[in-house]
PDB file of N, CA and C in Angstrom:
ATOM      1  N   MET A   1     -14.506  33.111  49.484  1.00  0.00           N
ATOM      2  CA  MET A   1     -15.907  32.724  49.438  1.00  0.00           C
ATOM      3  C   MET A   1     -15.987  31.210  49.447  1.00  0.00           C
ATOM      4  N   ALA A   2     -16.828  30.693  50.295  1.00  0.00           N
ATOM      5  CA  ALA A   2     -17.014  29.243  50.350  1.00  0.00           C
ATOM      6  C   ALA A   2     -17.689  28.769  49.074  1.00  0.00           C
ATOM      7  N   GLY A   3     -17.651  27.471  48.854  1.00  0.00           N
ATOM      8  CA  GLY A   3     -18.253  26.907  47.659  1.00  0.00           C
ATOM      9  C   GLY A   3     -19.743  27.190  47.577  1.00  0.00           C
ATOM     10  N   ILE A   4     -20.213  27.442  46.380  1.00  0.00           N
ATOM     11  CA  ILE A   4     -21.632  27.722  46.191  1.00  0.00           C
ATOM     12  C   ILE A   4     -22.352  26.565  45.515  1.00  0.00           C
ATOM     13  N   PHE A   5     -21.574  25.572  45.025  1.00  0.00           N
ATOM     14  CA  PHE A   5     -22.189  24.473  44.286  1.00  0.00           C
ATOM     15  C   PHE A   5     -22.321  23.224  45.140  1.00  0.00           C
ATOM     16  N   LYS A   6     -23.506  22.612  45.073  1.00  0.00           N
ATOM     17  CA  LYS A   6     -23.755  21.289  45.643  1.00  0.00           C
ATOM     18  C   LYS A   6     -23.764  20.350  44.445  1.00  0.00           C
ATOM     19  N   VAL A   7     -22.870  19.367  44.438  1.00  0.00           N
ATOM     20  CA  VAL A   7     -22.658  18.547  43.246  1.00  0.00           C
ATOM     21  C   VAL A   7     -22.891  17.071  43.562  1.00  0.00           C
ATOM     22  N   LYS A   8     -23.621  16.397  42.668  1.00  0.00           N
ATOM     23  CA  LYS A   8     -23.747  14.950  42.702  1.00  0.00           C
ATOM     24  C   LYS A   8     -23.293  14.454  41.341  1.00  0.00           C
ATOM     25  N   ALA A   9     -22.273  13.623  41.334  1.00  0.00           N
ATOM     26  CA  ALA A   9     -21.745  13.085  40.076  1.00  0.00           C
ATOM     27  C   ALA A   9     -21.577  11.581  40.238  1.00  0.00           C
ATOM     28  N   LYS A  10     -22.145  10.824  39.299  1.00  0.00           N
ATOM     29  CA  LYS A  10     -22.051   9.364  39.346  1.00  0.00           C
ATOM     30  C   LYS A  10     -21.571   8.846  38.010  1.00  0.00           C
ATOM     31  N   ALA A  11     -20.605   7.933  38.065  1.00  0.00           N
ATOM     32  CA  ALA A  11     -20.094   7.290  36.855  1.00  0.00           C
ATOM     33  C   ALA A  11     -20.680   5.891  36.762  1.00  0.00           C
ATOM     34  N   LYS A  12     -21.153   5.553  35.562  1.00  0.00           N
ATOM     35  CA  LYS A  12     -21.716   4.221  35.349  1.00  0.00           C
ATOM     36  C   LYS A  12     -21.644   3.914  33.857  1.00  0.00           C
ATOM     37  N   GLY A  13     -21.082   2.779  33.522  1.00  0.00           N
ATOM     38  CA  GLY A  13     -21.025   2.334  32.131  1.00  0.00           C
ATOM     39  C   GLY A  13     -20.275   3.284  31.212  1.00  0.00           C
ATOM     40  N   GLY A  14     -19.245   3.938  31.709  1.00  0.00           N
ATOM     41  CA  GLY A  14     -18.443   4.820  30.858  1.00  0.00           C
ATOM     42  C   GLY A  14     -19.037   6.203  30.663  1.00  0.00           C
ATOM     43  N   VAL A  15     -20.129   6.477  31.373  1.00  0.00           N
ATOM     44  CA  VAL A  15     -20.765   7.802  31.287  1.00  0.00           C
ATOM     45  C   VAL A  15     -20.902   8.363  32.701  1.00  0.00           C
ATOM     46  N   THR A  16     -20.623   9.635  32.840  1.00  0.00           N
ATOM     47  CA  THR A  16     -20.787  10.299  34.135  1.00  0.00           C
ATOM     48  C   THR A  16     -21.944  11.285  34.042  1.00  0.00           C
ATOM     49  N   LYS A  17     -22.872  11.156  34.987  1.00  0.00           N
ATOM     50  CA  LYS A  17     -24.012  12.063  35.064  1.00  0.00           C
ATOM     51  C   LYS A  17     -23.752  13.039  36.209  1.00  0.00           C
ATOM     52  N   VAL A  18     -23.850  14.332  35.898  1.00  0.00           N
ATOM     53  CA  VAL A  18     -23.541  15.374  36.877  1.00  0.00           C
ATOM     54  C   VAL A  18     -24.793  16.222  37.115  1.00  0.00           C
ATOM     55  N   LYS A  19     -25.095  16.444  38.396  1.00  0.00           N
ATOM     56  CA  LYS A  19     -26.181  17.343  38.793  1.00  0.00           C
ATOM     57  C   LYS A  19     -25.579  18.380  39.728  1.00  0.00           C
ATOM     58  N   MET A  20     -25.792  19.651  39.413  1.00  0.00           N
ATOM     59  CA  MET A  20     -25.198  20.720  40.226  1.00  0.00           C
ATOM     60  C   MET A  20     -26.267  21.752  40.578  1.00  0.00           C
ATOM     61  N   LEU A  21     -26.281  22.148  41.832  1.00  0.00           N
ATOM     62  CA  LEU A  21     -27.186  23.193  42.294  1.00  0.00           C
ATOM     63  C   LEU A  21     -26.335  24.319  42.878  1.00  0.00           C
ATOM     64  N   ALA A  22     -26.499  25.518  42.348  1.00  0.00           N
ATOM     65  CA  ALA A  22     -25.745  26.673  42.840  1.00  0.00           C
ATOM     66  C   ALA A  22     -26.609  27.464  43.811  1.00  0.00           C
ATOM     67  N   LYS A  23     -26.017  27.839  44.919  1.00  0.00           N
ATOM     68  CA  LYS A  23     -26.714  28.721  45.858  1.00  0.00           C
ATOM     69  C   LYS A  23     -26.249  30.139  45.541  1.00  0.00           C
ATOM     70  N   HIS A  24     -27.068  30.838  44.724  1.00  0.00           N
ATOM     71  CA  HIS A  24     -26.664  32.165  44.256  1.00  0.00           C
ATOM     72  C   HIS A  24     -27.907  33.013  44.013  1.00  0.00           C
ATOM     73  N   VAL A  25     -27.839  34.288  44.290  1.00  0.00           N
ATOM     74  CA  VAL A  25     -29.004  35.178  44.159  1.00  0.00           C
ATOM     75  C   VAL A  25     -29.391  35.464  42.711  1.00  0.00           C
ATOM     76  N   MET A  26     -28.426  35.418  41.796  1.00  0.00           N
ATOM     77  CA  MET A  26     -28.665  35.700  40.371  1.00  0.00           C
ATOM     78  C   MET A  26     -29.522  36.965  40.212  1.00  0.00           C
ATOM     79  N   GLU A  27     -29.085  38.032  40.840  1.00  0.00           N
ATOM     80  CA  GLU A  27     -29.820  39.306  40.814  1.00  0.00           C
ATOM     81  C   GLU A  27     -29.660  39.977  39.450  1.00  0.00           C
ATOM     82  N   THR A  28     -30.774  40.419  38.863  1.00  0.00           N
ATOM     83  CA  THR A  28     -30.765  40.963  37.504  1.00  0.00           C
ATOM     84  C   THR A  28     -30.316  42.426  37.424  1.00  0.00           C
ATOM     85  N   GLY A  29     -30.449  43.153  38.520  1.00  0.00           N
ATOM     86  CA  GLY A  29     -30.143  44.578  38.487  1.00  0.00           C
ATOM     87  C   GLY A  29     -31.349  45.417  38.067  1.00  0.00           C
ATOM     88  N   GLN A  30     -32.513  44.787  37.970  1.00  0.00           N
ATOM     89  CA  GLN A  30     -33.715  45.501  37.554  1.00  0.00           C
ATOM     90  C   GLN A  30     -34.745  45.611  38.671  1.00  0.00           C
ATOM     91  N   ARG A  31     -34.479  44.948  39.801  1.00  0.00           N
ATOM     92  CA  ARG A  31     -35.439  45.000  40.905  1.00  0.00           C
ATOM     93  C   ARG A  31     -35.101  46.164  41.834  1.00  0.00           C
ATOM     94  N   LYS A  32     -36.121  46.659  42.538  1.00  0.00           N
ATOM     95  CA  LYS A  32     -35.929  47.712  43.527  1.00  0.00           C
ATOM     96  C   LYS A  32     -36.084  47.126  44.913  1.00  0.00           C
ATOM     97  N   ASP A  33     -35.315  47.678  45.855  1.00  0.00           N
ATOM     98  CA  ASP A  33     -35.460  47.308  47.253  1.00  0.00           C
ATOM     99  C   ASP A  33     -36.822  47.823  47.729  1.00  0.00           C
ATOM    100  N   LYS A  34     -37.628  46.943  48.324  1.00  0.00           N
ATOM    101  CA  LYS A  34     -38.980  47.331  48.733  1.00  0.00           C
ATOM    102  C   LYS A  34     -38.999  48.407  49.817  1.00  0.00           C
ATOM    103  N   LYS A  35     -37.971  48.436  50.656  1.00  0.00           N
ATOM    104  CA  LYS A  35     -37.942  49.407  51.759  1.00  0.00           C
ATOM    105  C   LYS A  35     -37.386  50.756  51.320  1.00  0.00           C
ATOM    106  N   THR A  36     -36.303  50.737  50.538  1.00  0.00           N
ATOM    107  CA  THR A  36     -35.636  51.997  50.187  1.00  0.00           C
ATOM    108  C   THR A  36     -36.001  52.501  48.790  1.00  0.00           C
ATOM    109  N   GLY A  37     -36.436  51.599  47.925  1.00  0.00           N
ATOM    110  CA  GLY A  37     -36.745  51.987  46.551  1.00  0.00           C
ATOM    111  C   GLY A  37     -35.515  52.051  45.656  1.00  0.00           C
ATOM    112  N   ASP A  38     -34.361  51.763  46.225  1.00  0.00           N
ATOM    113  CA  ASP A  38     -33.116  51.771  45.448  1.00  0.00           C
ATOM    114  C   ASP A  38     -33.033  50.522  44.569  1.00  0.00           C
ATOM    115  N   ILE A  39     -32.395  50.661  43.412  1.00  0.00           N
ATOM    116  CA  ILE A  39     -32.155  49.527  42.520  1.00  0.00           C
ATOM    117  C   ILE A  39     -31.156  48.577  43.185  1.00  0.00           C
ATOM    118  N   ILE A  40     -31.466  47.290  43.178  1.00  0.00           N
ATOM    119  CA  ILE A  40     -30.548  46.276  43.695  1.00  0.00           C
ATOM    120  C   ILE A  40     -29.551  45.977  42.584  1.00  0.00           C
ATOM    121  N   PRO A  41     -28.249  46.150  42.843  1.00  0.00           N
ATOM    122  CA  PRO A  41     -27.247  45.951  41.787  1.00  0.00           C
ATOM    123  C   PRO A  41     -27.249  44.534  41.213  1.00  0.00           C
ATOM    124  N   ALA A  42     -26.931  44.433  39.930  1.00  0.00           N
ATOM    125  CA  ALA A  42     -26.847  43.129  39.261  1.00  0.00           C
ATOM    126  C   ALA A  42     -25.720  42.303  39.871  1.00  0.00           C
ATOM    127  N   LYS A  43     -26.003  41.041  40.096  1.00  0.00           N
ATOM    128  CA  LYS A  43     -25.009  40.105  40.618  1.00  0.00           C
ATOM    129  C   LYS A  43     -25.430  38.720  40.153  1.00  0.00           C
ATOM    130  N   PHE A  44     -24.751  38.224  39.125  1.00  0.00           N
ATOM    131  CA  PHE A  44     -25.123  36.921  38.590  1.00  0.00           C
ATOM    132  C   PHE A  44     -23.877  36.183  38.107  1.00  0.00           C
ATOM    133  N   ILE A  45     -23.997  34.858  38.023  1.00  0.00           N
ATOM    134  CA  ILE A  45     -22.905  34.040  37.493  1.00  0.00           C
ATOM    135  C   ILE A  45     -22.868  34.255  35.988  1.00  0.00           C
ATOM    136  N   GLN A  46     -21.728  34.686  35.503  1.00  0.00           N
ATOM    137  CA  GLN A  46     -21.585  35.029  34.096  1.00  0.00           C
ATOM    138  C   GLN A  46     -20.952  33.880  33.299  1.00  0.00           C
ATOM    139  N   GLU A  47     -20.001  33.204  33.907  1.00  0.00           N
ATOM    140  CA  GLU A  47     -19.302  32.104  33.229  1.00  0.00           C
ATOM    141  C   GLU A  47     -19.229  30.903  34.159  1.00  0.00           C
ATOM    142  N   LEU A  48     -19.420  29.733  33.575  1.00  0.00           N
ATOM    143  CA  LEU A  48     -19.351  28.484  34.337  1.00  0.00           C
ATOM    144  C   LEU A  48     -18.635  27.444  33.488  1.00  0.00           C
ATOM    145  N   THR A  49     -17.628  26.805  34.073  1.00  0.00           N
ATOM    146  CA  THR A  49     -16.876  25.774  33.363  1.00  0.00           C
ATOM    147  C   THR A  49     -16.640  24.597  34.304  1.00  0.00           C
ATOM    148  N   VAL A  50     -16.859  23.385  33.796  1.00  0.00           N
ATOM    149  CA  VAL A  50     -16.583  22.167  34.554  1.00  0.00           C
ATOM    150  C   VAL A  50     -15.543  21.376  33.778  1.00  0.00           C
ATOM    151  N   GLN A  51     -14.472  20.978  34.468  1.00  0.00           N
ATOM    152  CA  GLN A  51     -13.416  20.209  33.832  1.00  0.00           C
ATOM    153  C   GLN A  51     -13.223  18.869  34.543  1.00  0.00           C
ATOM    154  N   HIS A  52     -12.877  17.876  33.715  1.00  0.00           N
ATOM    155  CA  HIS A  52     -12.532  16.555  34.229  1.00  0.00           C
ATOM    156  C   HIS A  52     -11.211  16.162  33.595  1.00  0.00           C
ATOM    157  N   ALA A  53     -10.232  15.837  34.392  1.00  0.00           N
ATOM    158  CA  ALA A  53      -8.904  15.423  33.910  1.00  0.00           C
ATOM    159  C   ALA A  53      -8.334  16.439  32.906  1.00  0.00           C
ATOM    160  N   GLY A  54      -8.559  17.707  33.149  1.00  0.00           N
ATOM    161  CA  GLY A  54      -8.004  18.744  32.289  1.00  0.00           C
ATOM    162  C   GLY A  54      -8.820  19.054  31.047  1.00  0.00           C
ATOM    163  N   ASN A  55      -9.888  18.305  30.823  1.00  0.00           N
ATOM    164  CA  ASN A  55     -10.755  18.545  29.661  1.00  0.00           C
ATOM    165  C   ASN A  55     -12.051  19.224  30.095  1.00  0.00           C
ATOM    166  N   THR A  56     -12.468  20.202  29.321  1.00  0.00           N
ATOM    167  CA  THR A  56     -13.729  20.876  29.623  1.00  0.00           C
ATOM    168  C   THR A  56     -14.884  19.976  29.206  1.00  0.00           C
ATOM    169  N   VAL A  57     -15.748  19.642  30.169  1.00  0.00           N
ATOM    170  CA  VAL A  57     -16.897  18.778  29.890  1.00  0.00           C
ATOM    171  C   VAL A  57     -18.203  19.556  29.887  1.00  0.00           C
ATOM    172  N   PHE A  58     -18.170  20.780  30.379  1.00  0.00           N
ATOM    173  CA  PHE A  58     -19.342  21.653  30.356  1.00  0.00           C
ATOM    174  C   PHE A  58     -18.866  23.083  30.487  1.00  0.00           C
ATOM    175  N   SER A  59     -19.462  23.975  29.698  1.00  0.00           N
ATOM    176  CA  SER A  59     -19.190  25.400  29.877  1.00  0.00           C
ATOM    177  C   SER A  59     -20.417  26.178  29.451  1.00  0.00           C
ATOM    178  N   GLY A  60     -20.589  27.318  30.043  1.00  0.00           N
ATOM    179  CA  GLY A  60     -21.740  28.140  29.719  1.00  0.00           C
ATOM    180  C   GLY A  60     -21.504  29.600  30.006  1.00  0.00           C
ATOM    181  N   GLN A  61     -22.130  30.427  29.190  1.00  0.00           N
ATOM    182  CA  GLN A  61     -22.171  31.862  29.414  1.00  0.00           C
ATOM    183  C   GLN A  61     -23.579  32.151  29.911  1.00  0.00           C
ATOM    184  N   LEU A  62     -23.715  32.584  31.150  1.00  0.00           N
ATOM    185  CA  LEU A  62     -25.025  32.804  31.735  1.00  0.00           C
ATOM    186  C   LEU A  62     -25.346  34.295  31.752  1.00  0.00           C
ATOM    187  N   GLY A  63     -26.612  34.589  31.944  1.00  0.00           N
ATOM    188  CA  GLY A  63     -27.034  35.988  31.980  1.00  0.00           C
ATOM    189  C   GLY A  63     -28.086  36.216  33.036  1.00  0.00           C
ATOM    190  N   THR A  64     -28.771  37.318  32.920  1.00  0.00           N
ATOM    191  CA  THR A  64     -29.758  37.696  33.928  1.00  0.00           C
ATOM    192  C   THR A  64     -31.053  36.900  33.830  1.00  0.00           C
ATOM    193  N   ALA A  65     -31.253  36.153  32.752  1.00  0.00           N
ATOM    194  CA  ALA A  65     -32.486  35.381  32.595  1.00  0.00           C
ATOM    195  C   ALA A  65     -32.478  34.077  33.386  1.00  0.00           C
ATOM    196  N   VAL A  66     -31.357  33.727  33.985  1.00  0.00           N
ATOM    197  CA  VAL A  66     -31.256  32.487  34.760  1.00  0.00           C
ATOM    198  C   VAL A  66     -31.792  32.740  36.166  1.00  0.00           C
ATOM    199  N   SER A  67     -32.602  31.812  36.658  1.00  0.00           N
ATOM    200  CA  SER A  67     -33.270  31.989  37.947  1.00  0.00           C
ATOM    201  C   SER A  67     -32.314  31.892  39.131  1.00  0.00           C
ATOM    202  N   LYS A  68     -32.816  32.325  40.272  1.00  0.00           N
ATOM    203  CA  LYS A  68     -32.092  32.220  41.536  1.00  0.00           C
ATOM    204  C   LYS A  68     -31.795  30.747  41.800  1.00  0.00           C
ATOM    205  N   ASN A  69     -30.652  30.460  42.399  1.00  0.00           N
ATOM    206  CA  ASN A  69     -30.227  29.104  42.729  1.00  0.00           C
ATOM    207  C   ASN A  69     -30.334  28.176  41.513  1.00  0.00           C
ATOM    208  N   PRO A  70     -29.607  28.456  40.462  1.00  0.00           N
ATOM    209  CA  PRO A  70     -29.744  27.665  39.234  1.00  0.00           C
ATOM    210  C   PRO A  70     -29.275  26.213  39.391  1.00  0.00           C
ATOM    211  N   TYR A  71     -29.934  25.348  38.604  1.00  0.00           N
ATOM    212  CA  TYR A  71     -29.659  23.916  38.608  1.00  0.00           C
ATOM    213  C   TYR A  71     -29.131  23.528  37.230  1.00  0.00           C
ATOM    214  N   PHE A  72     -28.088  22.727  37.197  1.00  0.00           N
ATOM    215  CA  PHE A  72     -27.497  22.266  35.946  1.00  0.00           C
ATOM    216  C   PHE A  72     -27.397  20.750  35.999  1.00  0.00           C
ATOM    217  N   SER A  73     -27.675  20.114  34.883  1.00  0.00           N
ATOM    218  CA  SER A  73     -27.550  18.671  34.779  1.00  0.00           C
ATOM    219  C   SER A  73     -26.994  18.341  33.399  1.00  0.00           C
ATOM    220  N   PHE A  74     -25.993  17.482  33.365  1.00  0.00           N
ATOM    221  CA  PHE A  74     -25.400  17.094  32.088  1.00  0.00           C
ATOM    222  C   PHE A  74     -24.678  15.765  32.262  1.00  0.00           C
ATOM    223  N   THR A  75     -24.352  15.139  31.144  1.00  0.00           N
ATOM    224  CA  THR A  75     -23.572  13.909  31.156  1.00  0.00           C
ATOM    225  C   THR A  75     -22.364  14.087  30.251  1.00  0.00           C
ATOM    226  N   PHE A  76     -21.349  13.292  30.511  1.00  0.00           N
ATOM    227  CA  PHE A  76     -20.196  13.268  29.618  1.00  0.00           C
ATOM    228  C   PHE A  76     -19.595  11.868  29.600  1.00  0.00           C
ATOM    229  N   ALA A  77     -18.944  11.553  28.478  1.00  0.00           N
ATOM    230  CA  ALA A  77     -18.301  10.247  28.331  1.00  0.00           C
ATOM    231  C   ALA A  77     -17.029  10.227  29.156  1.00  0.00           C
ATOM    232  N   GLY A  78     -16.829   9.135  29.877  1.00  0.00           N
ATOM    233  CA  GLY A  78     -15.630   9.001  30.689  1.00  0.00           C
ATOM    234  C   GLY A  78     -15.940   9.280  32.146  1.00  0.00           C
ATOM    235  N   GLY A  79     -14.883   9.361  32.907  1.00  0.00           N
ATOM    236  CA  GLY A  79     -15.025   9.573  34.340  1.00  0.00           C
ATOM    237  C   GLY A  79     -15.112   8.249  35.059  1.00  0.00           C
ATOM    238  N   ALA A  80     -14.619   8.230  36.271  1.00  0.00           N
ATOM    239  CA  ALA A  80     -14.651   7.021  37.091  1.00  0.00           C
ATOM    240  C   ALA A  80     -14.821   7.428  38.543  1.00  0.00           C
ATOM    241  N   LYS A  81     -15.273   6.480  39.319  1.00  0.00           N
ATOM    242  CA  LYS A  81     -15.465   6.726  40.744  1.00  0.00           C
ATOM    243  C   LYS A  81     -14.153   7.209  41.357  1.00  0.00           C
ATOM    244  N   GLY A  82     -14.210   8.286  42.104  1.00  0.00           N
ATOM    245  CA  GLY A  82     -13.027   8.848  42.752  1.00  0.00           C
ATOM    246  C   GLY A  82     -12.363   9.967  41.962  1.00  0.00           C
ATOM    247  N   ASP A  83     -12.680  10.078  40.664  1.00  0.00           N
ATOM    248  CA  ASP A  83     -12.118  11.186  39.871  1.00  0.00           C
ATOM    249  C   ASP A  83     -12.669  12.510  40.393  1.00  0.00           C
ATOM    250  N   GLU A  84     -11.956  13.571  40.074  1.00  0.00           N
ATOM    251  CA  GLU A  84     -12.334  14.886  40.562  1.00  0.00           C
ATOM    252  C   GLU A  84     -12.825  15.778  39.425  1.00  0.00           C
ATOM    253  N   LEU A  85     -13.869  16.541  39.704  1.00  0.00           N
ATOM    254  CA  LEU A  85     -14.354  17.564  38.779  1.00  0.00           C
ATOM    255  C   LEU A  85     -13.903  18.924  39.316  1.00  0.00           C
ATOM    256  N   SER A  86     -13.514  19.800  38.428  1.00  0.00           N
ATOM    257  CA  SER A  86     -13.125  21.157  38.790  1.00  0.00           C
ATOM    258  C   SER A  86     -14.189  22.104  38.238  1.00  0.00           C
ATOM    259  N   ILE A  87     -14.825  22.841  39.126  1.00  0.00           N
ATOM    260  CA  ILE A  87     -15.920  23.737  38.732  1.00  0.00           C
ATOM    261  C   ILE A  87     -15.456  25.174  38.933  1.00  0.00           C
ATOM    262  N   SER A  88     -15.347  25.919  37.833  1.00  0.00           N
ATOM    263  CA  SER A  88     -14.918  27.312  37.895  1.00  0.00           C
ATOM    264  C   SER A  88     -16.073  28.213  37.486  1.00  0.00           C
ATOM    265  N   TRP A  89     -16.256  29.291  38.227  1.00  0.00           N
ATOM    266  CA  TRP A  89     -17.329  30.234  37.905  1.00  0.00           C
ATOM    267  C   TRP A  89     -16.855  31.659  38.139  1.00  0.00           C
ATOM    268  N   ALA A  90     -17.502  32.573  37.445  1.00  0.00           N
ATOM    269  CA  ALA A  90     -17.182  33.987  37.606  1.00  0.00           C
ATOM    270  C   ALA A  90     -18.477  34.793  37.550  1.00  0.00           C
ATOM    271  N   GLU A  91     -18.575  35.765  38.449  1.00  0.00           N
ATOM    272  CA  GLU A  91     -19.735  36.664  38.469  1.00  0.00           C
ATOM    273  C   GLU A  91     -19.465  37.878  37.592  1.00  0.00           C
ATOM    274  N   ASN A  92     -20.520  38.601  37.297  1.00  0.00           N
ATOM    275  CA  ASN A  92     -20.373  39.859  36.567  1.00  0.00           C
ATOM    276  C   ASN A  92     -19.665  40.904  37.424  1.00  0.00           C
ATOM    277  N   THR A  93     -19.616  40.699  38.744  1.00  0.00           N
ATOM    278  CA  THR A  93     -18.979  41.649  39.656  1.00  0.00           C
ATOM    279  C   THR A  93     -17.466  41.493  39.695  1.00  0.00           C
ATOM    280  N   GLY A  94     -16.946  40.439  39.077  1.00  0.00           N
ATOM    281  CA  GLY A  94     -15.509  40.179  39.097  1.00  0.00           C
ATOM    282  C   GLY A  94     -15.110  39.086  40.062  1.00  0.00           C
ATOM    283  N   THR A  95     -16.013  38.689  40.942  1.00  0.00           N
ATOM    284  CA  THR A  95     -15.742  37.590  41.868  1.00  0.00           C
ATOM    285  C   THR A  95     -15.691  36.278  41.092  1.00  0.00           C
ATOM    286  N   SER A  96     -14.730  35.440  41.421  1.00  0.00           N
ATOM    287  CA  SER A  96     -14.637  34.136  40.782  1.00  0.00           C
ATOM    288  C   SER A  96     -14.074  33.123  41.774  1.00  0.00           C
ATOM    289  N   ALA A  97     -14.272  31.865  41.471  1.00  0.00           N
ATOM    290  CA  ALA A  97     -13.775  30.801  42.343  1.00  0.00           C
ATOM    291  C   ALA A  97     -13.720  29.498  41.576  1.00  0.00           C
ATOM    292  N   THR A  98     -12.983  28.567  42.140  1.00  0.00           N
ATOM    293  CA  THR A  98     -12.916  27.209  41.602  1.00  0.00           C
ATOM    294  C   THR A  98     -13.188  26.249  42.756  1.00  0.00           C
ATOM    295  N   GLU A  99     -14.082  25.319  42.517  1.00  0.00           N
ATOM    296  CA  GLU A  99     -14.445  24.324  43.514  1.00  0.00           C
ATOM    297  C   GLU A  99     -14.183  22.942  42.935  1.00  0.00           C
ATOM    298  N   THR A 100     -14.118  21.950  43.787  1.00  0.00           N
ATOM    299  CA  THR A 100     -13.923  20.588  43.307  1.00  0.00           C
ATOM    300  C   THR A 100     -15.011  19.679  43.884  1.00  0.00           C
ATOM    301  N   ALA A 101     -15.261  18.599  43.167  1.00  0.00           N
ATOM    302  CA  ALA A 101     -16.216  17.589  43.619  1.00  0.00           C
ATOM    303  C   ALA A 101     -15.742  16.236  43.118  1.00  0.00           C
ATOM    304  N   LYS A 102     -15.992  15.197  43.881  1.00  0.00           N
ATOM    305  CA  LYS A 102     -15.597  13.836  43.513  1.00  0.00           C
ATOM    306  C   LYS A 102     -16.748  13.127  42.801  1.00  0.00           C
ATOM    307  N   ILE A 103     -16.367  12.292  41.853  1.00  0.00           N
ATOM    308  CA  ILE A 103     -17.341  11.438  41.175  1.00  0.00           C
ATOM    309  C   ILE A 103     -17.526  10.188  42.030  1.00  0.00           C
ATOM    310  N   LYS A 104     -18.773   9.795  42.233  1.00  0.00           N
ATOM    311  CA  LYS A 104     -19.064   8.593  43.045  1.00  0.00           C
ATOM    312  C   LYS A 104     -19.463   7.449  42.148  1.00  0.00           C
TER     313      LYS A 104
END
């Protein structure tokens, strides 16, 4: 699966500000298909972790209350231009991936 996160990370004055937008359906499993009437199976990001230099700088347990295409914004101490962030996520379906992004 290709990366689902669009990431902007900037380091300034010893602090890195990270903005991430996920392209994901975040389906709750409670909606019905309008044409067939069948329940649309749940499919949402369950776990999200961002690491910098081996340290976890953000982590979250997500659920069905999070909207489609969720947006995350956070800051952390440290980071420098050119450093890499490692973004790991896992769905409730068992699908998982790790993506990387550079700090500018």
